Amino acid sequence: MKKLLNEYNSKIKITFDDIVDFHYKFEAIHPFQDGNGRVGRLIMFKECLRNDIIPFIIDEEHKLFYYRGLKNYKEDKAYLIETCLSAQDKYIKLLNELEIKF
């Protein structure tokens, strides 16, 4: 876990892809007995906000795609990234509907 945090924190500018990559590695380490997914998704949300990236929520619509993306991340990183971008698009739509500036 320490190596992952040092690697992530050494980046000069955090990108959307960096956040998703960190999330995959965090989930692979599985540091807690329970709640790793919820904690990991909360960290992604927080890191998006911290780095001026529009956050996203993995909802029921994206859940199965998200799990598939995690499972196949080593072979196809783009699948999980695209799933998260799709969830981000849905979040942007909600912000627009609520007239929240971002």
N, C-alpha and C. Protein backbone atom coordinates (compact mmCIF):
# COMPACT_ATOMS: atom_id res chain seq x y z
N MET A 1 0.83 -1.19 0.00
CA MET A 1 0.00 0.00 0.00
C MET A 1 0.88 1.26 0.00
N LYS A 2 1.95 1.19 0.78
CA LYS A 2 2.85 2.34 0.86
C LYS A 2 3.46 2.65 -0.51
N LYS A 3 3.85 1.62 -1.24
CA LYS A 3 4.43 1.80 -2.57
C LYS A 3 3.41 2.46 -3.50
N LEU A 4 2.17 2.00 -3.45
CA LEU A 4 1.11 2.56 -4.29
C LEU A 4 0.91 4.04 -3.97
N LEU A 5 0.83 4.38 -2.69
CA LEU A 5 0.63 5.77 -2.29
C LEU A 5 1.81 6.65 -2.70
N ASN A 6 3.03 6.15 -2.52
CA ASN A 6 4.21 6.92 -2.92
C ASN A 6 4.22 7.17 -4.43
N GLU A 7 3.90 6.14 -5.19
CA GLU A 7 3.85 6.26 -6.66
C GLU A 7 2.81 7.30 -7.07
N TYR A 8 1.63 7.20 -6.49
CA TYR A 8 0.52 8.10 -6.83
C TYR A 8 0.84 9.54 -6.42
N ASN A 9 1.32 9.71 -5.20
CA ASN A 9 1.59 11.05 -4.67
C ASN A 9 2.80 11.72 -5.32
N SER A 10 3.63 10.96 -6.02
CA SER A 10 4.79 11.54 -6.69
C SER A 10 4.43 12.17 -8.04
N LYS A 11 3.22 11.93 -8.51
CA LYS A 11 2.80 12.49 -9.80
C LYS A 11 2.63 14.00 -9.67
N ILE A 12 3.09 14.71 -10.67
CA ILE A 12 3.00 16.17 -10.66
C ILE A 12 1.56 16.62 -10.92
N LYS A 13 0.92 16.04 -11.90
CA LYS A 13 -0.47 16.37 -12.22
C LYS A 13 -1.24 15.06 -12.32
N ILE A 14 -2.28 14.94 -11.52
CA ILE A 14 -3.11 13.73 -11.50
C ILE A 14 -4.17 13.85 -12.59
N THR A 15 -4.29 12.82 -13.40
CA THR A 15 -5.29 12.79 -14.47
C THR A 15 -6.42 11.82 -14.11
N PHE A 16 -7.46 11.86 -14.90
CA PHE A 16 -8.58 10.93 -14.73
C PHE A 16 -8.06 9.49 -14.78
N ASP A 17 -7.22 9.21 -15.78
CA ASP A 17 -6.66 7.86 -15.93
C ASP A 17 -5.83 7.45 -14.72
N ASP A 18 -5.10 8.39 -14.13
CA ASP A 18 -4.31 8.10 -12.92
C ASP A 18 -5.22 7.68 -11.77
N ILE A 19 -6.34 8.36 -11.64
CA ILE A 19 -7.28 8.05 -10.56
C ILE A 19 -7.87 6.66 -10.75
N VAL A 20 -8.26 6.34 -11.97
CA VAL A 20 -8.82 5.01 -12.24
C VAL A 20 -7.75 3.94 -12.02
N ASP A 21 -6.53 4.20 -12.45
CA ASP A 21 -5.44 3.24 -12.27
C ASP A 21 -5.16 3.02 -10.78
N PHE A 22 -5.15 4.11 -10.01
CA PHE A 22 -4.96 3.98 -8.56
C PHE A 22 -6.08 3.12 -7.97
N HIS A 23 -7.29 3.36 -8.41
CA HIS A 23 -8.44 2.61 -7.90
C HIS A 23 -8.27 1.12 -8.17
N TYR A 24 -7.90 0.77 -9.39
CA TYR A 24 -7.69 -0.64 -9.71
C TYR A 24 -6.64 -1.26 -8.79
N LYS A 25 -5.52 -0.58 -8.62
CA LYS A 25 -4.44 -1.11 -7.79
C LYS A 25 -4.86 -1.20 -6.33
N PHE A 26 -5.61 -0.21 -5.85
CA PHE A 26 -6.14 -0.23 -4.48
C PHE A 26 -7.04 -1.45 -4.30
N GLU A 27 -7.93 -1.68 -5.25
CA GLU A 27 -8.84 -2.82 -5.16
C GLU A 27 -8.08 -4.14 -5.23
N ALA A 28 -7.01 -4.20 -6.01
CA ALA A 28 -6.21 -5.42 -6.12
C ALA A 28 -5.49 -5.73 -4.79
N ILE A 29 -5.05 -4.68 -4.10
CA ILE A 29 -4.40 -4.87 -2.79
C ILE A 29 -5.42 -5.34 -1.77
N HIS A 30 -6.64 -4.84 -1.86
CA HIS A 30 -7.74 -5.23 -0.97
C HIS A 30 -7.32 -5.06 0.51
N PRO A 31 -7.04 -3.81 0.93
CA PRO A 31 -6.46 -3.59 2.25
C PRO A 31 -7.38 -3.86 3.45
N PHE A 32 -8.67 -3.90 3.24
CA PHE A 32 -9.60 -4.09 4.36
C PHE A 32 -10.33 -5.43 4.22
N GLN A 33 -10.82 -5.91 5.34
CA GLN A 33 -11.58 -7.16 5.32
C GLN A 33 -12.91 -6.97 4.60
N ASP A 34 -13.50 -5.79 4.75
CA ASP A 34 -14.80 -5.50 4.13
C ASP A 34 -14.85 -4.03 3.74
N GLY A 35 -15.61 -3.72 2.71
CA GLY A 35 -15.84 -2.34 2.33
C GLY A 35 -14.82 -1.75 1.38
N ASN A 36 -13.94 -2.56 0.82
CA ASN A 36 -12.90 -2.06 -0.08
C ASN A 36 -13.48 -1.32 -1.28
N GLY A 37 -14.52 -1.86 -1.88
CA GLY A 37 -15.13 -1.23 -3.05
C GLY A 37 -15.70 0.13 -2.73
N ARG A 38 -16.45 0.21 -1.64
CA ARG A 38 -17.05 1.49 -1.25
C ARG A 38 -15.97 2.51 -0.92
N VAL A 39 -14.97 2.09 -0.16
CA VAL A 39 -13.88 3.00 0.20
C VAL A 39 -13.14 3.43 -1.07
N GLY A 40 -12.86 2.49 -1.95
CA GLY A 40 -12.14 2.81 -3.18
C GLY A 40 -12.90 3.78 -4.07
N ARG A 41 -14.20 3.58 -4.19
CA ARG A 41 -15.01 4.50 -5.02
C ARG A 41 -15.11 5.87 -4.37
N LEU A 42 -15.15 5.91 -3.05
CA LEU A 42 -15.16 7.20 -2.34
C LEU A 42 -13.83 7.93 -2.54
N ILE A 43 -12.73 7.19 -2.52
CA ILE A 43 -11.42 7.81 -2.77
C ILE A 43 -11.38 8.37 -4.19
N MET A 44 -11.91 7.63 -5.18
CA MET A 44 -11.94 8.16 -6.55
C MET A 44 -12.72 9.47 -6.60
N PHE A 45 -13.88 9.51 -5.95
CA PHE A 45 -14.71 10.71 -5.93
C PHE A 45 -13.92 11.88 -5.33
N LYS A 46 -13.30 11.63 -4.18
CA LYS A 46 -12.52 12.66 -3.49
C LYS A 46 -11.35 13.13 -4.34
N GLU A 47 -10.66 12.21 -4.97
CA GLU A 47 -9.50 12.57 -5.79
C GLU A 47 -9.91 13.37 -7.03
N CYS A 48 -11.05 13.05 -7.59
CA CYS A 48 -11.55 13.86 -8.70
C CYS A 48 -11.76 15.30 -8.23
N LEU A 49 -12.44 15.47 -7.12
CA LEU A 49 -12.68 16.82 -6.59
C LEU A 49 -11.38 17.53 -6.28
N ARG A 50 -10.45 16.84 -5.66
CA ARG A 50 -9.17 17.43 -5.27
C ARG A 50 -8.35 17.88 -6.47
N ASN A 51 -8.55 17.22 -7.60
CA ASN A 51 -7.76 17.52 -8.79
C ASN A 51 -8.56 18.23 -9.88
N ASP A 52 -9.65 18.87 -9.48
CA ASP A 52 -10.49 19.65 -10.40
C ASP A 52 -10.98 18.82 -11.59
N ILE A 53 -11.33 17.58 -11.32
CA ILE A 53 -11.91 16.68 -12.32
C ILE A 53 -13.35 16.42 -11.89
N ILE A 54 -14.26 16.49 -12.83
CA ILE A 54 -15.66 16.23 -12.49
C ILE A 54 -15.77 14.78 -12.00
N PRO A 55 -16.32 14.59 -10.80
CA PRO A 55 -16.41 13.24 -10.24
C PRO A 55 -17.50 12.41 -10.91
N PHE A 56 -17.66 11.22 -10.43
CA PHE A 56 -18.67 10.31 -10.97
C PHE A 56 -19.06 9.30 -9.89
N ILE A 57 -20.21 8.70 -10.09
CA ILE A 57 -20.71 7.68 -9.18
C ILE A 57 -21.01 6.43 -10.00
N ILE A 58 -20.50 5.29 -9.55
CA ILE A 58 -20.82 4.03 -10.21
C ILE A 58 -22.19 3.60 -9.70
N ASP A 59 -23.20 3.80 -10.53
CA ASP A 59 -24.57 3.47 -10.15
C ASP A 59 -24.94 2.08 -10.67
N GLU A 60 -26.18 1.68 -10.45
CA GLU A 60 -26.64 0.36 -10.90
C GLU A 60 -26.45 0.16 -12.40
N GLU A 61 -26.65 1.21 -13.17
CA GLU A 61 -26.51 1.14 -14.63
C GLU A 61 -25.09 0.76 -15.04
N HIS A 62 -24.11 1.20 -14.27
CA HIS A 62 -22.70 0.99 -14.61
C HIS A 62 -22.04 -0.14 -13.82
N LYS A 63 -22.73 -0.67 -12.83
CA LYS A 63 -22.13 -1.61 -11.88
C LYS A 63 -21.50 -2.84 -12.55
N LEU A 64 -22.23 -3.53 -13.40
CA LEU A 64 -21.70 -4.74 -14.03
C LEU A 64 -20.54 -4.42 -14.96
N PHE A 65 -20.63 -3.29 -15.67
CA PHE A 65 -19.53 -2.86 -16.54
C PHE A 65 -18.28 -2.55 -15.70
N TYR A 66 -18.52 -1.91 -14.55
CA TYR A 66 -17.43 -1.56 -13.62
C TYR A 66 -16.72 -2.83 -13.13
N TYR A 67 -17.49 -3.82 -12.70
CA TYR A 67 -16.89 -5.07 -12.22
C TYR A 67 -16.12 -5.78 -13.33
N ARG A 68 -16.68 -5.77 -14.53
CA ARG A 68 -15.99 -6.37 -15.67
C ARG A 68 -14.69 -5.61 -15.96
N GLY A 69 -14.76 -4.29 -15.88
CA GLY A 69 -13.57 -3.47 -16.10
C GLY A 69 -12.47 -3.75 -15.10
N LEU A 70 -12.85 -3.92 -13.83
CA LEU A 70 -11.85 -4.27 -12.81
C LEU A 70 -11.24 -5.64 -13.10
N LYS A 71 -12.09 -6.59 -13.43
CA LYS A 71 -11.64 -7.96 -13.68
C LYS A 71 -10.65 -8.03 -14.84
N ASN A 72 -10.89 -7.26 -15.88
CA ASN A 72 -10.09 -7.33 -17.11
C ASN A 72 -9.11 -6.17 -17.27
N TYR A 73 -8.87 -5.41 -16.21
CA TYR A 73 -8.07 -4.19 -16.32
C TYR A 73 -6.66 -4.44 -16.87
N LYS A 74 -6.02 -5.50 -16.44
CA LYS A 74 -4.65 -5.76 -16.91
C LYS A 74 -4.60 -5.93 -18.42
N GLU A 75 -5.62 -6.56 -18.99
CA GLU A 75 -5.66 -6.81 -20.43
C GLU A 75 -6.24 -5.64 -21.22
N ASP A 76 -7.14 -4.88 -20.59
CA ASP A 76 -7.86 -3.82 -21.32
C ASP A 76 -8.21 -2.68 -20.36
N LYS A 77 -7.26 -1.80 -20.13
CA LYS A 77 -7.48 -0.67 -19.22
C LYS A 77 -8.59 0.25 -19.71
N ALA A 78 -8.72 0.35 -21.02
CA ALA A 78 -9.69 1.29 -21.60
C ALA A 78 -11.12 0.97 -21.20
N TYR A 79 -11.44 -0.30 -20.99
CA TYR A 79 -12.82 -0.67 -20.66
C TYR A 79 -13.27 -0.03 -19.35
N LEU A 80 -12.45 -0.13 -18.31
CA LEU A 80 -12.81 0.47 -17.02
C LEU A 80 -12.80 1.99 -17.13
N ILE A 81 -11.83 2.54 -17.83
CA ILE A 81 -11.77 3.99 -18.00
C ILE A 81 -13.01 4.49 -18.73
N GLU A 82 -13.41 3.82 -19.79
CA GLU A 82 -14.61 4.21 -20.55
C GLU A 82 -15.87 4.08 -19.69
N THR A 83 -15.93 3.05 -18.86
CA THR A 83 -17.08 2.89 -17.96
C THR A 83 -17.15 4.06 -16.99
N CYS A 84 -16.02 4.45 -16.44
CA CYS A 84 -15.99 5.58 -15.51
C CYS A 84 -16.31 6.89 -16.22
N LEU A 85 -15.84 7.04 -17.45
CA LEU A 85 -16.18 8.25 -18.22
C LEU A 85 -17.68 8.30 -18.53
N SER A 86 -18.28 7.15 -18.79
CA SER A 86 -19.72 7.10 -19.02
C SER A 86 -20.48 7.51 -17.75
N ALA A 87 -20.01 7.03 -16.60
CA ALA A 87 -20.62 7.43 -15.32
C ALA A 87 -20.42 8.92 -15.09
N GLN A 88 -19.28 9.44 -15.49
CA GLN A 88 -19.02 10.88 -15.37
C GLN A 88 -19.97 11.68 -16.25
N ASP A 89 -20.22 11.20 -17.46
CA ASP A 89 -21.18 11.87 -18.35
C ASP A 89 -22.56 11.95 -17.72
N LYS A 90 -22.96 10.87 -17.06
CA LYS A 90 -24.26 10.86 -16.39
C LYS A 90 -24.28 11.87 -15.24
N TYR A 91 -23.17 11.98 -14.52
CA TYR A 91 -23.06 12.94 -13.42
C TYR A 91 -23.11 14.37 -13.95
N ILE A 92 -22.45 14.62 -15.08
CA ILE A 92 -22.48 15.95 -15.72
C ILE A 92 -23.91 16.30 -16.12
N LYS A 93 -24.63 15.34 -16.67
CA LYS A 93 -26.03 15.57 -17.06
C LYS A 93 -26.86 15.97 -15.83
N LEU A 94 -26.64 15.28 -14.72
CA LEU A 94 -27.36 15.60 -13.49
C LEU A 94 -27.01 17.01 -13.01
N LEU A 95 -25.73 17.36 -13.05
CA LEU A 95 -25.33 18.71 -12.65
C LEU A 95 -26.00 19.77 -13.52
N ASN A 96 -26.07 19.51 -14.81
CA ASN A 96 -26.73 20.45 -15.73
C ASN A 96 -28.22 20.56 -15.43
N GLU A 97 -28.87 19.42 -15.17
CA GLU A 97 -30.31 19.44 -14.85
C GLU A 97 -30.58 20.24 -13.59
N LEU A 98 -29.67 20.14 -12.63
CA LEU A 98 -29.83 20.86 -11.36
C LEU A 98 -29.25 22.28 -11.42
N GLU A 99 -28.75 22.63 -12.61
CA GLU A 99 -28.15 23.94 -12.84
C GLU A 99 -27.01 24.25 -11.86
N ILE A 100 -26.19 23.23 -11.64
CA ILE A 100 -25.01 23.38 -10.79
C ILE A 100 -23.82 23.61 -11.70
N LYS A 101 -23.13 24.71 -11.47
CA LYS A 101 -21.96 25.04 -12.30
C LYS A 101 -20.77 24.20 -11.87
N PHE A 102 -20.00 23.81 -12.84
CA PHE A 102 -18.81 23.01 -12.54
C PHE A 102 -17.64 23.48 -13.37
